[in-house]
């Protein structure tokens, strides 16, 4: 799947007349304590790497990789640590394409093993397809450097045969990027 995504990215970027691409990196930390027992804690750390390429004015296509590390549990005391991933293709439409600020909705399709299924702690399940959506605002801070902000939902949508309910993995974005022109 990773090789297919890389091949699709190369194919799409070769169709473009633009030379604008923007690699980005963000790191998200979410910590949750149990209401009744403060020793029960769940921590989720996500490294999000992505790169977009302008295929037409305001239209951007990209790839992304999320490395998700968890520790603990939301329900019981645990020192268990786990690692997960999501990888995919994304599309952004810049609503302010004539401005230096990037304001965009984002749609993506991802593949991974982070199952936010049922009402328990996330667990590993290979081959999940996620439909994701969200929005972002990138602010220029110096020349072509940007502060990236946003909020995204990753909904497990396919390959959930043995689970009856799932909730969306959510991620806030706070990171940096550089626009090559």
Protein backbone atom coordinates (compact mmCIF):
# COMPACT_ATOMS: atom_id res chain seq x y z
CA UNK A 1 0.00 0.00 0.00
CA UNK A 2 2.84 2.41 0.84
CA UNK A 3 4.40 1.82 -2.57
CA UNK A 4 1.05 2.40 -4.30
CA UNK A 5 0.66 5.75 -2.55
CA UNK A 6 4.19 6.79 -3.56
CA UNK A 7 3.50 5.78 -7.17
CA UNK A 8 0.22 7.72 -7.25
CA UNK A 9 1.91 10.79 -5.80
CA UNK A 10 4.63 10.71 -8.46
CA UNK A 11 2.02 10.26 -11.19
CA UNK A 12 -0.09 13.20 -9.99
CA UNK A 13 2.85 15.52 -9.52
CA UNK A 14 4.17 14.80 -13.00
CA UNK A 15 0.86 16.08 -14.43
CA UNK A 16 1.28 19.46 -12.78
CA UNK A 17 2.77 22.56 -14.39
CA UNK A 18 3.33 24.08 -10.97
CA UNK A 19 6.52 23.67 -9.00
CA UNK A 20 5.01 24.50 -5.62
CA UNK A 21 5.26 21.83 -2.95
CA UNK A 22 5.10 22.04 0.81
CA UNK A 23 6.42 19.46 3.30
CA UNK A 24 4.96 19.71 6.80
CA UNK A 25 5.55 18.19 10.21
CA UNK A 26 3.41 18.32 13.34
CA UNK A 27 3.40 16.63 16.72
CA UNK A 28 0.18 16.08 18.66
CA UNK A 29 -0.07 15.00 22.30
CA UNK A 30 -3.38 14.04 23.87
CA UNK A 31 -3.52 12.98 27.51
CA UNK A 32 -6.61 11.69 29.27
CA UNK A 33 -7.14 10.95 32.96
CA UNK A 34 -9.88 8.77 34.39
CA UNK A 35 -12.44 10.83 36.38
CA UNK A 36 -12.57 8.45 39.35
CA UNK A 37 -8.93 7.29 39.53
CA UNK A 38 -6.20 9.80 38.64
CA UNK A 39 -3.58 7.00 38.40
CA UNK A 40 -5.43 5.75 35.30
CA UNK A 41 -4.03 7.68 32.36
CA UNK A 42 -4.00 7.32 28.58
CA UNK A 43 -1.46 9.24 26.45
CA UNK A 44 -1.44 9.43 22.68
CA UNK A 45 1.43 11.02 20.72
CA UNK A 46 1.19 11.47 16.96
CA UNK A 47 3.91 12.52 14.55
CA UNK A 48 2.27 13.66 11.30
CA UNK A 49 4.44 14.04 8.21
CA UNK A 50 2.91 15.18 4.96
CA UNK A 51 3.75 16.85 1.69
CA UNK A 52 1.37 18.64 -0.64
CA UNK A 53 1.91 19.55 -4.25
CA UNK A 54 -0.07 22.21 -6.09
CA UNK A 55 -1.66 20.53 -9.11
CA UNK A 56 -3.66 23.63 -10.12
CA UNK A 57 -4.26 27.02 -8.59
CA UNK A 58 -5.82 26.39 -5.15
CA UNK A 59 -5.88 22.58 -5.65
CA UNK A 60 -3.31 20.56 -3.71
CA UNK A 61 -2.68 16.85 -3.68
CA UNK A 62 -0.46 15.19 -1.11
CA UNK A 63 0.67 12.23 0.89
CA UNK A 64 0.74 11.80 4.63
CA UNK A 65 2.13 9.46 7.25
CA UNK A 66 1.01 9.37 10.88
CA UNK A 67 3.07 7.56 13.50
CA UNK A 68 0.88 7.06 16.59
CA UNK A 69 2.32 5.97 19.95
CA UNK A 70 0.09 5.25 22.92
CA UNK A 71 0.71 4.49 26.58
CA UNK A 72 -1.62 3.46 29.37
CA UNK A 73 -5.37 3.04 29.31
CA UNK A 74 -8.49 5.16 29.74
CA UNK A 75 -10.19 2.46 31.85
CA UNK A 76 -7.65 0.67 34.04
CA UNK A 77 -4.12 1.17 35.32
CA UNK A 78 -1.71 0.02 32.60
CA UNK A 79 1.87 0.63 31.52
CA UNK A 80 1.25 -0.90 28.10
CA UNK A 81 2.77 0.96 25.14
CA UNK A 82 1.70 0.48 21.53
CA UNK A 83 2.67 1.80 18.10
CA UNK A 84 0.35 2.35 15.14
CA UNK A 85 0.38 4.04 11.73
CA UNK A 86 -1.80 5.61 9.07
CA UNK A 87 -0.62 6.42 5.55
CA UNK A 88 -2.62 8.02 2.78
CA UNK A 89 -3.39 10.47 0.03
CA UNK A 90 -4.95 13.85 0.76
CA UNK A 91 -6.62 16.65 -1.18
CA UNK A 92 -6.81 20.30 -0.09
CA UNK A 93 -8.63 23.24 -1.63
CA UNK A 94 -7.14 26.60 -0.64
CA UNK A 95 -10.03 29.02 -0.07
CA UNK A 96 -7.59 31.96 0.07
CA UNK A 97 -5.35 31.01 -2.87
CA UNK A 98 -4.54 34.67 -3.64
CA UNK A 99 -3.42 35.28 -0.04
CA UNK A 100 -0.25 34.31 1.80
CA UNK A 101 -2.45 32.55 4.37
CA UNK A 102 -3.62 29.05 3.42
CA UNK A 103 -7.18 28.24 4.55
CA UNK A 104 -8.40 24.86 3.36
CA UNK A 105 -10.79 21.99 3.87
CA UNK A 106 -9.09 18.62 3.50
CA UNK A 107 -10.28 15.18 2.39
CA UNK A 108 -8.14 12.05 2.52
CA UNK A 109 -8.16 8.30 2.27
CA UNK A 110 -5.78 6.42 4.54
CA UNK A 111 -4.69 2.89 5.29
CA UNK A 112 -3.54 1.80 8.72
CA UNK A 113 -3.79 -0.35 11.82
CA UNK A 114 -5.16 2.01 14.50
CA UNK A 115 -8.58 0.67 15.42
CA UNK A 116 -10.68 3.12 17.41
CA UNK A 117 -13.38 0.48 17.49
CA UNK A 118 -16.03 0.06 20.13
CA UNK A 119 -15.95 1.84 23.47
CA UNK A 120 -12.57 0.57 24.70
CA UNK A 121 -9.00 1.70 24.23
CA UNK A 122 -7.76 1.66 20.63
CA UNK A 123 -6.10 -1.55 19.48
CA UNK A 124 -4.22 -2.90 16.47
CA UNK A 125 -6.20 -4.24 13.51
CA UNK A 126 -4.39 -4.44 10.19
CA UNK A 127 -5.85 -3.27 6.90
CA UNK A 128 -8.28 -0.57 8.01
CA UNK A 129 -9.28 2.02 5.41
CA UNK A 130 -10.06 5.47 6.84
CA UNK A 131 -11.98 8.30 5.25
CA UNK A 132 -10.74 11.52 6.78
CA UNK A 133 -11.79 15.13 6.65
CA UNK A 134 -10.86 18.33 8.38
CA UNK A 135 -9.62 21.84 7.88
CA UNK A 136 -6.44 23.80 8.31
CA UNK A 137 -5.03 27.30 8.43
CA UNK A 138 -1.36 27.86 7.67
CA UNK A 139 0.13 31.24 8.63
CA UNK A 140 3.38 32.56 7.13
CA UNK A 141 5.92 33.44 9.81
CA UNK A 142 9.10 34.14 7.84
CA UNK A 143 9.57 34.08 4.08
CA UNK A 144 8.32 30.60 3.08
CA UNK A 145 8.05 29.16 6.61
CA UNK A 146 4.54 28.54 7.95
CA UNK A 147 2.87 27.67 11.24
CA UNK A 148 0.36 24.90 10.50
CA UNK A 149 -2.87 24.58 12.47
CA UNK A 150 -5.90 22.42 11.93
CA UNK A 151 -8.27 19.74 13.12
CA UNK A 152 -8.87 16.38 11.41
CA UNK A 153 -11.13 13.34 11.83
CA UNK A 154 -10.05 9.87 10.67
CA UNK A 155 -13.11 7.63 10.44
CA UNK A 156 -12.43 3.87 10.12
CA UNK A 157 -14.73 2.95 7.24
CA UNK A 158 -13.70 -0.36 5.68
CA UNK A 159 -12.37 -3.72 6.94
CA UNK A 160 -14.33 -3.57 10.19
CA UNK A 161 -16.01 -6.96 9.77
CA UNK A 162 -15.71 -8.13 13.37
CA UNK A 163 -16.58 -4.86 15.15
CA UNK A 164 -19.98 -3.23 15.21
CA UNK A 165 -19.15 0.34 16.17
CA UNK A 166 -16.25 2.71 15.69
CA UNK A 167 -15.47 6.30 16.58
CA UNK A 168 -13.30 8.73 14.66
CA UNK A 169 -9.67 9.22 15.61
CA UNK A 170 -9.28 12.99 15.98
CA UNK A 171 -6.13 15.05 15.76
CA UNK A 172 -5.37 18.71 16.25
CA UNK A 173 -2.51 20.04 14.14
CA UNK A 174 0.17 22.37 15.42
CA UNK A 175 3.31 22.22 13.31
CA UNK A 176 5.53 23.87 10.75
CA UNK A 177 5.98 23.71 6.99
CA UNK A 178 8.05 25.21 4.24
CA UNK A 179 6.71 26.18 0.83
CA UNK A 180 9.12 25.51 -2.06
CA UNK A 181 8.33 27.63 -5.14
